């Protein structure tokens, strides 16, 4: 075996070992159907929270399951940091049953809200 082949095998073995250590065993597998169901039921509460304030009209959410865990993603925009902070606080106080992923931005281009 040549030196370059040996180095290549060592690097490949190190990559496999790192992948096994980085990806926890519980995170592999089929979608978390029970988690998705819990998320969908909880999102009814989020809809009610969102309806309380027009500042939150441009925030959307959805649930998904990947590598064995369910999540809820929030996307969109608000006009102020305060609006985002208020929405996050209201959502997090409602005891979400799954982890949340936030992708909501404070928009500075002056959009107007209408219902």
C-alpha atoms as a PDB file:
ATOM      1  CA  UNK A   1       0.000   0.000   0.000  1.00  0.00           C
ATOM      2  CA  UNK A   2       1.365   3.383  -0.930  1.00  0.00           C
ATOM      3  CA  UNK A   3       1.703   6.257   1.458  1.00  0.00           C
ATOM      4  CA  UNK A   4      -1.035   8.284  -0.272  1.00  0.00           C
ATOM      5  CA  UNK A   5      -3.461   5.360  -0.048  1.00  0.00           C
ATOM      6  CA  UNK A   6      -2.741   4.992   3.655  1.00  0.00           C
ATOM      7  CA  UNK A   7      -3.305   8.696   4.249  1.00  0.00           C
ATOM      8  CA  UNK A   8      -6.541   8.521   2.262  1.00  0.00           C
ATOM      9  CA  UNK A   9      -7.819   5.588   4.326  1.00  0.00           C
ATOM     10  CA  UNK A  10      -6.945   7.331   7.584  1.00  0.00           C
ATOM     11  CA  UNK A  11      -8.784  10.478   6.477  1.00  0.00           C
ATOM     12  CA  UNK A  12     -11.817   8.453   5.366  1.00  0.00           C
ATOM     13  CA  UNK A  13     -11.897   6.575   8.684  1.00  0.00           C
ATOM     14  CA  UNK A  14     -11.630   9.853  10.594  1.00  0.00           C
ATOM     15  CA  UNK A  15     -14.554  11.320   8.615  1.00  0.00           C
ATOM     16  CA  UNK A  16     -16.753   8.297   9.323  1.00  0.00           C
ATOM     17  CA  UNK A  17     -15.866   8.424  13.011  1.00  0.00           C
ATOM     18  CA  UNK A  18     -16.669  12.159  13.182  1.00  0.00           C
ATOM     19  CA  UNK A  19     -20.018  11.610  11.452  1.00  0.00           C
ATOM     20  CA  UNK A  20     -20.935   8.894  13.941  1.00  0.00           C
ATOM     21  CA  UNK A  21     -20.042  11.142  16.862  1.00  0.00           C
ATOM     22  CA  UNK A  22     -21.706  14.290  15.525  1.00  0.00           C
ATOM     23  CA  UNK A  23     -25.049  12.736  14.531  1.00  0.00           C
ATOM     24  CA  UNK A  24     -26.668  11.459  17.734  1.00  0.00           C
ATOM     25  CA  UNK A  25     -28.211   8.019  17.483  1.00  0.00           C
ATOM     26  CA  UNK A  26     -31.676   9.283  18.443  1.00  0.00           C
ATOM     27  CA  UNK A  27     -31.737  11.767  15.567  1.00  0.00           C
ATOM     28  CA  UNK A  28     -31.684   9.158  12.801  1.00  0.00           C
ATOM     29  CA  UNK A  29     -34.696   7.425  11.428  1.00  0.00           C
ATOM     30  CA  UNK A  30     -38.164   8.068  10.105  1.00  0.00           C
ATOM     31  CA  UNK A  31     -40.130  11.288  10.600  1.00  0.00           C
ATOM     32  CA  UNK A  32     -41.554  11.893  14.059  1.00  0.00           C
ATOM     33  CA  UNK A  33     -45.266  11.521  13.305  1.00  0.00           C
ATOM     34  CA  UNK A  34     -46.299  11.934  16.949  1.00  0.00           C
ATOM     35  CA  UNK A  35     -44.215  15.112  17.229  1.00  0.00           C
ATOM     36  CA  UNK A  36     -45.769  16.464  14.046  1.00  0.00           C
ATOM     37  CA  UNK A  37     -49.235  15.827  15.442  1.00  0.00           C
ATOM     38  CA  UNK A  38     -48.380  17.616  18.715  1.00  0.00           C
ATOM     39  CA  UNK A  39     -46.962  20.532  16.708  1.00  0.00           C
ATOM     40  CA  UNK A  40     -50.056  20.797  14.509  1.00  0.00           C
ATOM     41  CA  UNK A  41     -52.373  20.832  17.526  1.00  0.00           C
ATOM     42  CA  UNK A  42     -50.215  23.493  19.227  1.00  0.00           C
ATOM     43  CA  UNK A  43     -50.142  25.632  16.062  1.00  0.00           C
ATOM     44  CA  UNK A  44     -53.850  26.318  16.621  1.00  0.00           C
ATOM     45  CA  UNK A  45     -52.762  28.244  19.721  1.00  0.00           C
ATOM     46  CA  UNK A  46     -50.161  30.086  17.643  1.00  0.00           C
ATOM     47  CA  UNK A  47     -52.886  31.125  15.197  1.00  0.00           C
ATOM     48  CA  UNK A  48     -54.852  32.587  18.107  1.00  0.00           C
ATOM     49  CA  UNK A  49     -51.737  34.353  19.422  1.00  0.00           C
ATOM     50  CA  UNK A  50     -51.017  35.828  15.997  1.00  0.00           C
ATOM     51  CA  UNK A  51     -54.573  37.143  15.663  1.00  0.00           C
ATOM     52  CA  UNK A  52     -54.111  39.313  18.780  1.00  0.00           C
ATOM     53  CA  UNK A  53     -51.889  41.878  17.078  1.00  0.00           C
ATOM     54  CA  UNK A  54     -51.691  43.203  13.503  1.00  0.00           C
ATOM     55  CA  UNK A  55     -47.930  43.661  13.892  1.00  0.00           C
ATOM     56  CA  UNK A  56     -47.626  39.893  13.471  1.00  0.00           C
ATOM     57  CA  UNK A  57     -49.611  39.585  10.220  1.00  0.00           C
ATOM     58  CA  UNK A  58     -46.507  38.878   8.120  1.00  0.00           C
ATOM     59  CA  UNK A  59     -45.238  35.949  10.203  1.00  0.00           C
ATOM     60  CA  UNK A  60     -45.969  32.472   8.893  1.00  0.00           C
ATOM     61  CA  UNK A  61     -45.279  29.088  10.466  1.00  0.00           C
ATOM     62  CA  UNK A  62     -45.222  25.422   9.574  1.00  0.00           C
ATOM     63  CA  UNK A  63     -44.193  22.138  11.141  1.00  0.00           C
ATOM     64  CA  UNK A  64     -41.828  19.585   9.669  1.00  0.00           C
ATOM     65  CA  UNK A  65     -40.021  16.443  10.673  1.00  0.00           C
ATOM     66  CA  UNK A  66     -36.513  15.563   9.657  1.00  0.00           C
ATOM     67  CA  UNK A  67     -34.125  12.877  10.877  1.00  0.00           C
ATOM     68  CA  UNK A  68     -36.489  11.679  13.550  1.00  0.00           C
ATOM     69  CA  UNK A  69     -37.473  14.975  15.211  1.00  0.00           C
ATOM     70  CA  UNK A  70     -40.351  17.384  14.651  1.00  0.00           C
ATOM     71  CA  UNK A  71     -39.864  21.164  14.567  1.00  0.00           C
ATOM     72  CA  UNK A  72     -41.903  24.320  14.018  1.00  0.00           C
ATOM     73  CA  UNK A  73     -40.440  27.004  11.766  1.00  0.00           C
ATOM     74  CA  UNK A  74     -41.400  30.668  11.919  1.00  0.00           C
ATOM     75  CA  UNK A  75     -40.662  32.842   8.878  1.00  0.00           C
ATOM     76  CA  UNK A  76     -41.548  36.325   7.742  1.00  0.00           C
ATOM     77  CA  UNK A  77     -41.070  39.863   8.898  1.00  0.00           C
ATOM     78  CA  UNK A  78     -42.144  42.537  11.342  1.00  0.00           C
ATOM     79  CA  UNK A  79     -41.619  46.289  11.432  1.00  0.00           C
ATOM     80  CA  UNK A  80     -39.849  46.543  14.813  1.00  0.00           C
ATOM     81  CA  UNK A  81     -37.652  44.572  17.183  1.00  0.00           C
ATOM     82  CA  UNK A  82     -40.349  45.074  19.814  1.00  0.00           C
ATOM     83  CA  UNK A  83     -42.981  43.368  17.660  1.00  0.00           C
ATOM     84  CA  UNK A  84     -40.704  40.371  17.171  1.00  0.00           C
ATOM     85  CA  UNK A  85     -39.818  40.208  20.873  1.00  0.00           C
ATOM     86  CA  UNK A  86     -43.488  40.366  21.872  1.00  0.00           C
ATOM     87  CA  UNK A  87     -44.450  37.607  19.438  1.00  0.00           C
ATOM     88  CA  UNK A  88     -41.571  35.359  20.484  1.00  0.00           C
ATOM     89  CA  UNK A  89     -42.430  35.825  24.136  1.00  0.00           C
ATOM     90  CA  UNK A  90     -46.104  35.020  23.563  1.00  0.00           C
ATOM     91  CA  UNK A  91     -45.237  31.922  21.521  1.00  0.00           C
ATOM     92  CA  UNK A  92     -42.624  30.634  23.945  1.00  0.00           C
ATOM     93  CA  UNK A  93     -44.945  31.163  26.932  1.00  0.00           C
ATOM     94  CA  UNK A  94     -47.526  28.913  25.256  1.00  0.00           C
ATOM     95  CA  UNK A  95     -45.309  25.887  25.960  1.00  0.00           C
ATOM     96  CA  UNK A  96     -44.387  24.601  22.481  1.00  0.00           C
ATOM     97  CA  UNK A  97     -44.251  20.786  22.349  1.00  0.00           C
ATOM     98  CA  UNK A  98     -41.364  20.710  19.848  1.00  0.00           C
ATOM     99  CA  UNK A  99     -38.246  22.822  19.205  1.00  0.00           C
ATOM    100  CA  UNK A 100     -38.742  26.130  17.364  1.00  0.00           C
ATOM    101  CA  UNK A 101     -36.692  27.561  14.515  1.00  0.00           C
ATOM    102  CA  UNK A 102     -36.917  31.334  14.036  1.00  0.00           C
ATOM    103  CA  UNK A 103     -36.379  32.995  10.651  1.00  0.00           C
ATOM    104  CA  UNK A 104     -38.302  36.236  11.244  1.00  0.00           C
ATOM    105  CA  UNK A 105     -36.614  39.484  10.271  1.00  0.00           C
ATOM    106  CA  UNK A 106     -37.165  43.080  11.206  1.00  0.00           C
ATOM    107  CA  UNK A 107     -37.986  44.731   7.895  1.00  0.00           C
ATOM    108  CA  UNK A 108     -36.751  48.243   7.393  1.00  0.00           C
ATOM    109  CA  UNK A 109     -38.400  49.035   4.056  1.00  0.00           C
ATOM    110  CA  UNK A 110     -41.603  50.412   5.589  1.00  0.00           C
ATOM    111  CA  UNK A 111     -44.297  47.950   4.537  1.00  0.00           C
ATOM    112  CA  UNK A 112     -47.857  48.716   5.552  1.00  0.00           C
ATOM    113  CA  UNK A 113     -50.194  46.295   7.258  1.00  0.00           C
ATOM    114  CA  UNK A 114     -53.770  45.645   6.329  1.00  0.00           C
ATOM    115  CA  UNK A 115     -56.220  42.984   7.384  1.00  0.00           C
END
